[in-house]
C-alpha atoms as a PDB file:
ATOM      1  CA  MET A   1     -20.383  12.208  19.719  1.00  0.00           C
ATOM      2  CA  LYS A   2     -19.988   8.444  19.861  1.00  0.00           C
ATOM      3  CA  LYS A   3     -19.002   6.318  16.925  1.00  0.00           C
ATOM      4  CA  ARG A   4     -21.799   4.042  15.893  1.00  0.00           C
ATOM      5  CA  GLY A   5     -21.622   0.691  14.261  1.00  0.00           C
ATOM      6  CA  ARG A   6     -19.701  -2.453  14.678  1.00  0.00           C
ATOM      7  CA  PRO A   7     -15.991  -2.261  15.549  1.00  0.00           C
ATOM      8  CA  SER A   8     -13.473  -3.589  13.082  1.00  0.00           C
ATOM      9  CA  ASN A   9     -12.343  -7.195  13.479  1.00  0.00           C
ATOM     10  CA  ALA A  10      -9.203  -6.680  11.395  1.00  0.00           C
ATOM     11  CA  PRO A  11      -5.988  -6.719  13.446  1.00  0.00           C
ATOM     12  CA  ARG A  12      -3.900  -3.581  13.594  1.00  0.00           C
ATOM     13  CA  ARG A  13      -0.814  -3.802  11.403  1.00  0.00           C
ATOM     14  CA  LEU A  14       2.465  -1.922  11.506  1.00  0.00           C
ATOM     15  CA  LYS A  15       3.479   0.245   8.573  1.00  0.00           C
ATOM     16  CA  ASP A  16       6.660  -0.529   6.643  1.00  0.00           C
ATOM     17  CA  GLY A  17       9.691   1.178   8.153  1.00  0.00           C
ATOM     18  CA  TYR A  18      12.189   1.216  11.018  1.00  0.00           C
ATOM     19  CA  TYR A  19      10.980   1.079  14.621  1.00  0.00           C
ATOM     20  CA  ILE A  20      12.538   2.162  17.917  1.00  0.00           C
ATOM     21  CA  SER A  21      11.137   1.842  21.421  1.00  0.00           C
ATOM     22  CA  ILE A  22      11.563   4.692  23.909  1.00  0.00           C
ATOM     23  CA  THR A  23      10.809   4.396  27.614  1.00  0.00           C
ATOM     24  CA  LEU A  24      10.565   7.740  29.377  1.00  0.00           C
ATOM     25  CA  ASN A  25      12.174   7.960  32.788  1.00  0.00           C
ATOM     26  CA  SER A  26       8.930   8.988  34.517  1.00  0.00           C
ATOM     27  CA  THR A  27       6.754   6.202  33.056  1.00  0.00           C
ATOM     28  CA  GLY A  28       7.279   2.513  32.527  1.00  0.00           C
ATOM     29  CA  LYS A  29       5.224   2.225  29.343  1.00  0.00           C
ATOM     30  CA  PRO A  30       7.313   2.260  26.133  1.00  0.00           C
ATOM     31  CA  ILE A  31       6.487   4.387  23.091  1.00  0.00           C
ATOM     32  CA  ARG A  32       7.085   2.941  19.624  1.00  0.00           C
ATOM     33  CA  ILE A  33       8.334   5.402  16.981  1.00  0.00           C
ATOM     34  CA  MET A  34       8.323   4.587  13.258  1.00  0.00           C
ATOM     35  CA  SER A  35      10.698   6.106  10.691  1.00  0.00           C
ATOM     36  CA  ASP A  36      10.568   5.659   6.929  1.00  0.00           C
ATOM     37  CA  THR A  37      14.328   5.653   6.351  1.00  0.00           C
ATOM     38  CA  LEU A  38      17.410   4.514   8.226  1.00  0.00           C
ATOM     39  CA  ALA A  39      18.688   8.106   8.421  1.00  0.00           C
ATOM     40  CA  GLN A  40      15.456   9.278  10.074  1.00  0.00           C
ATOM     41  CA  MET A  41      15.677   6.408  12.547  1.00  0.00           C
ATOM     42  CA  LYS A  42      19.253   7.309  13.477  1.00  0.00           C
ATOM     43  CA  ALA A  43      18.202  10.945  13.940  1.00  0.00           C
ATOM     44  CA  SER A  44      15.407   9.795  16.269  1.00  0.00           C
ATOM     45  CA  LEU A  45      17.861   7.702  18.290  1.00  0.00           C
ATOM     46  CA  GLU A  46      20.132  10.740  18.591  1.00  0.00           C
ATOM     47  CA  LYS A  47      17.183  12.932  19.626  1.00  0.00           C
ATOM     48  CA  TYR A  48      16.144  10.550  22.410  1.00  0.00           C
ATOM     49  CA  LYS A  49      19.638   9.519  23.515  1.00  0.00           C
ATOM     50  CA  ASN A  50      18.951  10.657  27.116  1.00  0.00           C
ATOM     51  CA  GLN A  51      15.947   8.309  27.371  1.00  0.00           C
ATOM     52  CA  ASN A  52      15.972   4.518  27.434  1.00  0.00           C
ATOM     53  CA  SER A  53      15.869   3.798  23.703  1.00  0.00           C
ATOM     54  CA  LYS A  54      16.088   0.480  21.890  1.00  0.00           C
ATOM     55  CA  TYR A  55      16.149  -0.435  18.194  1.00  0.00           C
ATOM     56  CA  LEU A  56      13.281  -2.862  17.526  1.00  0.00           C
ATOM     57  CA  GLY A  57      13.948  -3.583  13.856  1.00  0.00           C
ATOM     58  CA  ARG A  58      12.603  -3.097  10.356  1.00  0.00           C
ATOM     59  CA  VAL A  59       9.115  -4.078   9.167  1.00  0.00           C
ATOM     60  CA  LYS A  60       8.249  -4.898   5.567  1.00  0.00           C
ATOM     61  CA  ASP A  61       4.972  -6.439   4.342  1.00  0.00           C
ATOM     62  CA  HIS A  62       3.829  -7.000   7.961  1.00  0.00           C
ATOM     63  CA  PHE A  63       6.903  -9.099   8.890  1.00  0.00           C
ATOM     64  CA  TRP A  64       9.972  -8.139  10.901  1.00  0.00           C
ATOM     65  CA  ILE A  65      13.052  -8.101   8.643  1.00  0.00           C
ATOM     66  CA  GLU A  66      15.609  -7.190  11.355  1.00  0.00           C
ATOM     67  CA  GLY A  67      15.809  -7.112  15.120  1.00  0.00           C
ATOM     68  CA  GLU A  68      14.938  -9.553  17.876  1.00  0.00           C
ATOM     69  CA  ASN A  69      11.588 -10.471  16.238  1.00  0.00           C
ATOM     70  CA  LYS A  70      13.145 -11.305  12.850  1.00  0.00           C
ATOM     71  CA  GLY A  71      10.871 -13.480  10.711  1.00  0.00           C
ATOM     72  CA  LYS A  72       7.804 -13.075  12.919  1.00  0.00           C
ATOM     73  CA  PRO A  73       4.554 -11.374  11.850  1.00  0.00           C
ATOM     74  CA  THR A  74       3.740  -7.963  13.345  1.00  0.00           C
ATOM     75  CA  ILE A  75       0.459  -8.951  15.014  1.00  0.00           C
END
């Protein structure tokens, strides 16, 4: 069944938390994983240590607090 009505014009926002990017060896498209706490993020990095993983940073109130995008909005 199709959704009816007008699509949302609001931009998608990232939730508050810590983000890592994982690129699987078979595909080139990265997957972004969000964790609520630093400990959960470190556990995720340990879980995917055999993949190409990269720490993206921390998001709070739709702005990057840490990482290479520090100070930029999450749009």
